Protein backbone atom coordinates (compact mmCIF):
# COMPACT_ATOMS: atom_id res chain seq x y z
CA UNK A 1 128.38 173.64 84.47
CA UNK A 2 131.17 174.54 86.91
CA UNK A 3 134.01 174.40 84.34
CA UNK A 4 136.60 175.32 86.97
CA UNK A 5 135.99 171.99 88.77
CA UNK A 6 137.57 168.92 87.21
CA UNK A 7 135.38 165.92 86.39
CA UNK A 8 132.33 165.01 88.52
CA UNK A 9 130.04 164.73 85.50
CA UNK A 10 127.25 163.06 87.49
CA UNK A 11 127.32 165.72 90.18
CA UNK A 12 127.21 168.50 87.58
CA UNK A 13 124.26 166.80 85.89
CA UNK A 14 122.39 166.64 89.21
CA UNK A 15 123.13 170.32 89.89
CA UNK A 16 121.91 171.27 86.42
CA UNK A 17 118.68 169.35 87.00
CA UNK A 18 118.14 171.17 90.30
CA UNK A 19 118.91 174.58 88.78
CA UNK A 20 116.46 174.13 85.92
CA UNK A 21 113.95 172.34 88.12
CA UNK A 22 110.90 170.29 87.20
CA UNK A 23 107.23 171.06 86.78
CA UNK A 24 105.02 171.59 89.81
CA UNK A 25 101.56 170.00 89.59
CA UNK A 26 98.22 170.59 91.27
CA UNK A 27 96.28 167.36 91.70
CA UNK A 28 92.51 167.81 91.89
CA UNK A 29 92.60 171.56 91.54
CA UNK A 30 94.29 173.09 94.57
CA UNK A 31 93.67 170.18 96.92
CA UNK A 32 97.09 168.59 96.60
CA UNK A 33 100.26 170.17 95.23
CA UNK A 34 103.26 168.18 94.02
CA UNK A 35 106.51 170.10 94.13
CA UNK A 36 108.62 170.51 91.02
CA UNK A 37 111.87 171.49 92.71
CA UNK A 38 114.61 168.85 92.85
CA UNK A 39 116.48 168.36 96.14
CA UNK A 40 120.07 167.12 95.91
CA UNK A 41 122.38 165.66 98.58
CA UNK A 42 126.13 165.55 98.00
CA UNK A 43 127.88 163.00 100.22
CA UNK A 44 131.54 162.20 99.88
CA UNK A 45 135.09 162.31 101.05
CA UNK A 46 136.69 165.58 102.21
CA UNK A 47 138.44 167.69 99.60
CA UNK A 48 136.15 166.69 96.71
CA UNK A 49 134.92 170.25 95.94
CA UNK A 50 131.48 169.86 97.54
CA UNK A 51 131.61 173.34 99.06
CA UNK A 52 132.95 174.73 95.78
CA UNK A 53 129.90 173.35 94.00
CA UNK A 54 127.63 175.14 96.47
CA UNK A 55 129.51 178.41 96.01
CA UNK A 56 129.20 178.06 92.24
CA UNK A 57 125.44 177.54 92.54
CA UNK A 58 125.19 180.61 94.78
CA UNK A 59 126.71 182.75 92.03
CA UNK A 60 124.80 181.11 89.18
CA UNK A 61 121.23 180.82 90.49
CA UNK A 62 119.06 183.92 90.23
CA UNK A 63 118.11 183.55 93.91
CA UNK A 64 120.19 181.51 96.31
CA UNK A 65 120.68 181.53 100.08
CA UNK A 66 123.84 179.92 101.47
CA UNK A 67 124.11 178.66 105.03
CA UNK A 68 126.06 176.10 107.01
CA UNK A 69 124.63 173.34 109.12
CA UNK A 70 126.88 174.05 112.09
CA UNK A 71 125.89 177.73 112.22
CA UNK A 72 122.23 177.31 111.33
CA UNK A 73 119.36 176.70 113.71
CA UNK A 74 115.71 175.79 113.27
CA UNK A 75 114.70 179.42 113.70
CA UNK A 76 117.32 180.61 111.23
CA UNK A 77 116.15 178.13 108.60
CA UNK A 78 112.39 178.57 109.00
CA UNK A 79 111.14 181.76 110.68
CA UNK A 80 111.62 183.78 113.86
CA UNK A 81 109.26 185.88 115.95
CA UNK A 82 110.71 189.04 117.48
CA UNK A 83 109.36 192.13 119.18
CA UNK A 84 109.60 195.36 117.24
CA UNK A 85 111.57 197.89 119.35
CA UNK A 86 109.43 200.81 118.15
CA UNK A 87 105.85 199.53 118.09
CA UNK A 88 106.41 196.84 120.77
CA UNK A 89 104.48 194.39 118.62
CA UNK A 90 105.47 190.88 117.64
CA UNK A 91 106.75 190.59 114.08
CA UNK A 92 107.64 187.64 111.91
CA UNK A 93 111.00 187.33 110.13
CA UNK A 94 111.63 184.69 107.52
CA UNK A 95 114.61 182.36 107.64
CA UNK A 96 116.82 180.95 104.91
CA UNK A 97 114.16 178.70 103.37
CA UNK A 98 111.63 181.53 103.24
CA UNK A 99 114.13 183.97 101.76
CA UNK A 100 115.03 181.40 99.10
CA UNK A 101 111.43 181.17 97.84
CA UNK A 102 111.40 180.48 94.07
CA UNK A 103 115.14 179.84 94.31
CA UNK A 104 117.65 177.47 95.89
CA UNK A 105 118.70 177.02 99.51
CA UNK A 106 122.27 175.76 99.95
CA UNK A 107 123.22 173.99 103.18
CA UNK A 108 126.86 173.07 103.73
CA UNK A 109 127.99 170.68 106.50
CA UNK A 110 124.50 169.20 106.57
CA UNK A 111 125.61 166.36 108.82
CA UNK A 112 126.70 168.82 111.54
CA UNK A 113 123.14 170.02 112.17
CA UNK A 114 121.27 169.01 115.30
CA UNK A 115 118.44 166.52 114.88
CA UNK A 116 115.87 169.05 116.13
CA UNK A 117 117.03 171.67 113.64
CA UNK A 118 117.04 169.12 110.84
CA UNK A 119 113.51 168.02 111.70
CA UNK A 120 112.22 171.57 111.29
CA UNK A 121 112.85 171.53 107.54
CA UNK A 122 110.85 168.35 106.84
CA UNK A 123 107.72 170.30 105.96
CA UNK A 124 109.62 172.83 103.87
CA UNK A 125 111.34 170.17 101.75
CA UNK A 126 108.16 168.26 100.87
CA UNK A 127 105.12 170.55 101.24
CA UNK A 128 107.25 173.65 100.52
CA UNK A 129 105.60 175.63 103.28
CA UNK A 130 106.43 176.56 106.85
CA UNK A 131 103.69 176.64 109.47
CA UNK A 132 104.18 179.15 112.29
CA UNK A 133 102.29 179.27 115.58
CA UNK A 134 104.20 181.55 117.95
CA UNK A 135 103.34 184.54 120.13
CA UNK A 136 99.77 184.64 118.87
CA UNK A 137 100.87 184.57 115.20
CA UNK A 138 99.42 181.65 113.25
CA UNK A 139 100.27 181.59 109.56
CA UNK A 140 101.90 179.59 106.78
CA UNK A 141 104.90 180.90 104.85
CA UNK A 142 105.82 179.77 101.34
CA UNK A 143 109.18 178.02 100.94
CA UNK A 144 109.03 176.94 97.29
CA UNK A 145 112.74 176.31 96.90
CA UNK A 146 115.07 173.48 96.06
CA UNK A 147 117.51 172.30 98.74
CA UNK A 148 121.07 171.33 97.82
CA UNK A 149 123.01 170.02 100.81
CA UNK A 150 126.56 168.74 101.24
CA UNK A 151 127.59 166.31 103.97
CA UNK A 152 130.58 164.24 105.04
CA UNK A 153 130.48 160.52 105.89
CA UNK A 154 130.38 159.32 109.48
CA UNK A 155 133.92 157.90 109.55
CA UNK A 156 135.48 160.72 107.56
CA UNK A 157 135.64 158.71 104.32
CA UNK A 158 132.91 156.88 102.44
CA UNK A 159 132.86 153.14 103.13
CA UNK A 160 131.54 151.23 100.12
CA UNK A 161 131.20 148.01 102.11
CA UNK A 162 128.17 149.34 104.00
CA UNK A 163 124.95 150.94 102.80
CA UNK A 164 124.40 154.62 102.08
CA UNK A 165 122.33 155.14 105.24
CA UNK A 166 125.12 153.70 107.42
CA UNK A 167 127.61 156.16 105.93
CA UNK A 168 125.72 159.26 107.02
CA UNK A 169 124.03 160.20 110.28
CA UNK A 170 120.71 161.14 108.72
CA UNK A 171 117.29 159.67 109.43
CA UNK A 172 115.14 157.95 106.83
CA UNK A 173 112.49 160.74 106.70
CA UNK A 174 115.07 163.39 105.74
CA UNK A 175 116.78 161.11 103.20
CA UNK A 176 113.44 160.35 101.52
CA UNK A 177 113.02 164.05 100.76
CA UNK A 178 116.14 164.16 98.60
CA UNK A 179 115.44 163.24 94.99
CA UNK A 180 119.10 162.82 93.96
CA UNK A 181 121.86 161.56 96.25
CA UNK A 182 125.39 161.76 94.83
CA UNK A 183 128.33 159.90 96.34
CA UNK A 184 131.69 161.56 95.67
CA UNK A 185 134.66 159.27 96.36
CA UNK A 186 138.37 159.97 96.25
CA UNK A 187 139.60 156.88 94.41
CA UNK A 188 143.37 156.49 93.95
CA UNK A 189 144.14 156.45 90.23
CA UNK A 190 147.59 157.63 89.05
CA UNK A 191 146.32 158.58 85.58
CA UNK A 192 143.32 160.58 86.75
CA UNK A 193 145.31 162.12 89.61
CA UNK A 194 147.91 163.33 87.11
CA UNK A 195 145.22 164.84 84.88
CA UNK A 196 143.66 166.50 87.89
CA UNK A 197 147.00 167.95 89.00
CA UNK A 198 147.68 169.38 85.53
CA UNK A 199 144.18 170.84 85.39
CA UNK A 200 144.55 172.54 88.81
CA UNK A 201 147.98 173.95 87.91
CA UNK A 202 146.65 175.26 84.59
CA UNK A 203 143.66 176.82 86.35
CA UNK A 204 145.96 178.64 88.79
CA UNK A 205 148.17 179.85 85.94
CA UNK A 206 145.19 181.19 83.97
CA UNK A 207 143.72 182.88 87.07
CA UNK A 208 146.93 184.75 87.91
CA UNK A 209 146.29 188.53 87.96
CA UNK A 210 149.22 189.15 85.59
CA UNK A 211 148.48 186.26 83.22
CA UNK A 212 147.62 187.09 79.62
CA UNK A 213 144.30 185.92 78.22
CA UNK A 214 145.73 184.20 75.11
CA UNK A 215 148.88 182.88 76.76
CA UNK A 216 149.07 179.09 76.25
CA UNK A 217 149.55 176.84 79.26
CA UNK A 218 151.92 173.94 78.55
CA UNK A 219 150.86 170.33 79.14
CA UNK A 220 147.37 171.16 80.47
CA UNK A 221 143.95 169.67 79.68
CA UNK A 222 141.69 171.79 77.53
CA UNK A 223 139.48 174.08 79.60
CA UNK A 224 136.40 173.09 77.60
CA UNK A 225 136.99 169.39 78.23
CA UNK A 226 137.92 168.99 81.91
CA UNK A 227 136.69 165.42 82.16
CA UNK A 228 138.79 162.57 80.77
CA UNK A 229 137.99 161.76 77.16
CA UNK A 230 138.24 163.33 73.73
CA UNK A 231 138.27 167.09 73.67
CA UNK A 232 135.04 168.76 72.63
CA UNK A 233 134.68 171.62 70.19
CA UNK A 234 131.78 173.10 72.16
CA UNK A 235 132.78 176.39 73.72
CA UNK A 236 132.02 177.31 77.31
CA UNK A 237 128.91 179.32 78.10
CA UNK A 238 129.65 182.50 80.09
CA UNK A 239 128.26 182.41 83.59
CA UNK A 240 126.09 185.50 83.04
CA UNK A 241 124.57 183.94 79.91
CA UNK A 242 123.97 180.66 81.75
CA UNK A 243 122.21 182.53 84.55
CA UNK A 244 119.91 184.26 82.04
CA UNK A 245 119.29 180.99 80.21
CA UNK A 246 118.23 179.25 83.44
CA UNK A 247 115.83 182.10 84.26
CA UNK A 248 114.36 181.95 80.74
CA UNK A 249 113.96 178.16 80.89
CA UNK A 250 112.17 178.27 84.26
CA UNK A 251 109.69 180.85 82.94
CA UNK A 252 109.12 179.60 79.39
CA UNK A 253 109.83 175.86 79.31
CA UNK A 254 107.45 173.35 80.90
CA UNK A 255 108.80 169.79 80.51
CA UNK A 256 106.44 166.84 80.11
CA UNK A 257 106.99 163.09 80.20
CA UNK A 258 105.73 161.28 77.10
CA UNK A 259 106.04 157.68 75.90
CA UNK A 260 107.51 156.40 79.16
CA UNK A 261 107.59 152.77 80.23
CA UNK A 262 105.12 152.86 83.12
CA UNK A 263 105.80 149.24 84.06
CA UNK A 264 109.53 149.90 84.39
CA UNK A 265 108.96 153.02 86.51
CA UNK A 266 106.49 151.25 88.80
CA UNK A 267 108.88 148.30 89.18
CA UNK A 268 111.72 150.67 90.10
CA UNK A 269 109.77 152.26 92.96
CA UNK A 270 107.95 149.08 94.03
């Protein structure tokens, strides 16, 4: 998962969980539907490859819509009503969440959104539908998609001395709709910084248009083991194959929880 980005094993695990998704459930027939998509929030210091993760997901997911919080509005995320220039009738056009149905909606600079625009996606993130009542058009659009958003802390850098909510200008209702919240911090470590520098230099050398495929790169971490630790013999999966594998898993694999400790789970969420 994202082999061109060094480290961030927890973030890559969260992204993999969101790409594969969970299992949607219908409680009591069709009376109540529980979503199976996993929403992820990436919060961290600048320059920690949050936007690069979103771009990687856009190229890996079978259906993905990328947008930015500063350039997105409530209408652009949900749906817009416009008059057809030919028939002079009101028509409905879906926004980013509607276009990403059965896929993933990527929102960068999530903290730059206005509160009114951010409130408009509450229904889409939990009920996975968008209710429209404009210009005589009353309907409900499906928005069965996972939301992966990236945001920056309030003071520019994450402050570990305060709580997560105090580090980001987001309300409690919107935070409760994210299933996984990852904190990415830029911690000063000479050893890890040196490994990161060698990995970035090696990546640039391999990506040069005139570089040879089998040309060795001196003093560089192995490309199949970007994270610190012993090198692994497992080869990288091509991105096209990974994309097909994710599509196959979403159509053929239906995960179930068995032999879980119900008391431990209930105590965690109590």
